[in-house]
C-alpha atoms as a PDB file:
ATOM      1  CA  MET A   1    -188.032  20.904 -71.716  1.00  0.00           C
ATOM      2  CA  ALA A   2    -187.119  22.124 -68.474  1.00  0.00           C
ATOM      3  CA  ALA A   3    -185.311  20.699 -66.208  1.00  0.00           C
ATOM      4  CA  ALA A   4    -186.936  18.643 -63.342  1.00  0.00           C
ATOM      5  CA  GLY A   5    -185.200  17.920 -60.185  1.00  0.00           C
ATOM      6  CA  GLN A   6    -182.435  14.960 -61.628  1.00  0.00           C
ATOM      7  CA  VAL A   7    -183.856  15.330 -65.132  1.00  0.00           C
ATOM      8  CA  VAL A   8    -182.522  16.798 -67.831  1.00  0.00           C
ATOM      9  CA  SER A   9    -182.913  17.706 -71.414  1.00  0.00           C
ATOM     10  CA  SER A  10    -180.196  17.193 -74.037  1.00  0.00           C
ATOM     11  CA  THR A  11    -179.889  16.903 -77.498  1.00  0.00           C
ATOM     12  CA  LEU A  12    -178.929  13.559 -79.556  1.00  0.00           C
ATOM     13  CA  SER A  13    -176.807  14.863 -83.079  1.00  0.00           C
ATOM     14  CA  GLY A  14    -178.400  13.047 -85.831  1.00  0.00           C
ATOM     15  CA  GLY A  15    -176.157  10.690 -87.608  1.00  0.00           C
ATOM     16  CA  THR A  16    -174.651   7.199 -88.131  1.00  0.00           C
ATOM     17  CA  ALA A  17    -174.852   5.031 -85.321  1.00  0.00           C
ATOM     18  CA  ALA A  18    -173.899   1.204 -84.409  1.00  0.00           C
ATOM     19  CA  VAL A  19    -176.280  -0.481 -81.668  1.00  0.00           C
ATOM     20  CA  VAL A  20    -175.543  -3.628 -79.875  1.00  0.00           C
ATOM     21  CA  THR A  21    -177.805  -5.544 -78.321  1.00  0.00           C
ATOM     22  CA  TYR A  22    -176.598  -6.790 -74.845  1.00  0.00           C
ATOM     23  CA  LEU A  23    -178.161  -8.970 -72.738  1.00  0.00           C
ATOM     24  CA  GLY A  24    -177.208  -9.538 -68.736  1.00  0.00           C
ATOM     25  CA  PRO A  25    -176.285  -7.350 -66.109  1.00  0.00           C
ATOM     26  CA  TYR A  26    -175.318  -3.562 -66.152  1.00  0.00           C
ATOM     27  CA  ASP A  27    -172.648  -3.855 -64.066  1.00  0.00           C
ATOM     28  CA  ALA A  28    -170.864  -6.640 -66.843  1.00  0.00           C
ATOM     29  CA  MET A  29    -171.596  -4.442 -70.165  1.00  0.00           C
ATOM     30  CA  GLU A  30    -167.638  -3.622 -70.654  1.00  0.00           C
ATOM     31  CA  SER A  31    -167.222  -6.533 -73.257  1.00  0.00           C
ATOM     32  CA  ALA A  32    -170.167  -5.207 -74.886  1.00  0.00           C
ATOM     33  CA  TYR A  33    -169.007  -1.694 -75.390  1.00  0.00           C
ATOM     34  CA  ALA A  34    -165.601  -3.278 -76.440  1.00  0.00           C
ATOM     35  CA  SER A  35    -167.302  -5.629 -78.750  1.00  0.00           C
ATOM     36  CA  LEU A  36    -169.225  -2.964 -80.419  1.00  0.00           C
ATOM     37  CA  ALA A  37    -165.926  -0.933 -81.039  1.00  0.00           C
ATOM     38  CA  GLU A  38    -164.241  -3.453 -82.702  1.00  0.00           C
ATOM     39  CA  TRP A  39    -167.051  -3.801 -84.964  1.00  0.00           C
ATOM     40  CA  VAL A  40    -166.888  -0.476 -85.779  1.00  0.00           C
ATOM     41  CA  THR A  41    -163.566  -0.140 -86.068  1.00  0.00           C
ATOM     42  CA  HIS A  42    -162.957  -3.146 -88.364  1.00  0.00           C
ATOM     43  CA  ARG A  43    -165.932  -1.917 -91.041  1.00  0.00           C
ATOM     44  CA  GLY A  44    -163.287   1.016 -91.491  1.00  0.00           C
ATOM     45  CA  GLY A  45    -165.497   3.148 -88.801  1.00  0.00           C
ATOM     46  CA  ARG A  46    -164.827   5.415 -86.258  1.00  0.00           C
ATOM     47  CA  PRO A  47    -166.677   5.693 -83.197  1.00  0.00           C
ATOM     48  CA  THR A  48    -167.345   9.431 -81.751  1.00  0.00           C
ATOM     49  CA  GLY A  49    -168.840  10.902 -79.190  1.00  0.00           C
ATOM     50  CA  ASP A  50    -170.315   9.659 -76.177  1.00  0.00           C
ATOM     51  CA  PRO A  51    -171.756   6.132 -76.957  1.00  0.00           C
ATOM     52  CA  TRP A  52    -175.389   5.748 -74.992  1.00  0.00           C
ATOM     53  CA  GLU A  53    -177.838   2.882 -73.210  1.00  0.00           C
ATOM     54  CA  ILE A  54    -181.461   2.127 -74.280  1.00  0.00           C
ATOM     55  CA  CYS A  55    -182.528  -0.031 -70.809  1.00  0.00           C
ATOM     56  CA  CYS A  56    -185.369  -1.856 -72.481  1.00  0.00           C
ATOM     57  CA  SER A  57    -185.877  -4.118 -69.342  1.00  0.00           C
ATOM     58  CA  ASP A  58    -187.586  -2.585 -65.927  1.00  0.00           C
ATOM     59  CA  PRO A  59    -186.143  -4.652 -62.827  1.00  0.00           C
ATOM     60  CA  ALA A  60    -188.744  -3.731 -60.986  1.00  0.00           C
ATOM     61  CA  ILE A  61    -190.704  -6.227 -63.472  1.00  0.00           C
ATOM     62  CA  GLU A  62    -188.076  -8.871 -64.609  1.00  0.00           C
ATOM     63  CA  PRO A  63    -185.877  -9.293 -61.355  1.00  0.00           C
ATOM     64  CA  ASP A  64    -183.103 -11.783 -62.713  1.00  0.00           C
ATOM     65  CA  ARG A  65    -180.431  -9.670 -64.101  1.00  0.00           C
ATOM     66  CA  ARG A  66    -179.122 -12.410 -66.408  1.00  0.00           C
ATOM     67  CA  GLN A  67    -182.752 -11.241 -68.683  1.00  0.00           C
ATOM     68  CA  TRP A  68    -182.099  -7.440 -68.187  1.00  0.00           C
ATOM     69  CA  TRP A  69    -181.885  -6.543 -71.876  1.00  0.00           C
ATOM     70  CA  THR A  70    -179.683  -2.941 -72.876  1.00  0.00           C
ATOM     71  CA  GLU A  71    -179.677  -1.926 -76.063  1.00  0.00           C
ATOM     72  CA  ILE A  72    -175.804   0.306 -76.689  1.00  0.00           C
ATOM     73  CA  VAL A  73    -175.598   2.969 -78.916  1.00  0.00           C
ATOM     74  CA  MET A  74    -172.379   3.716 -80.602  1.00  0.00           C
ATOM     75  CA  PRO A  75    -172.405   7.534 -82.884  1.00  0.00           C
ATOM     76  CA  LEU A  76    -169.595   6.997 -85.715  1.00  0.00           C
ATOM     77  CA  ARG A  77    -168.243   8.344 -88.322  1.00  0.00           C
ATOM     78  CA  VAL A  78    -167.566   6.292 -91.745  1.00  0.00           C
END
C-alpha cells in the first residue's frame, strides 16, 4: 500500500502478544502499560518490540473520555 499524506503503511511481525483492554482517557494509559508488562514478566515472558494501541472508541461519537475503550497489544517472547 502506498503512503498518502500522513498515512504510511507498515508491517507487523507475527508472533505471541498479550492484550489488555483499557477503559478511560488516552492520557491516563500509562498504568495499563505497566500492568501489562508486569503480567507478561510474572508469567515468564519478556516484552519484545514496540507495543501498539487499537482505539476502539470514536471520540466524535462517545465524548465521555471515561468510556473510551482501547486495546493495548504487547509483543512478547516466552
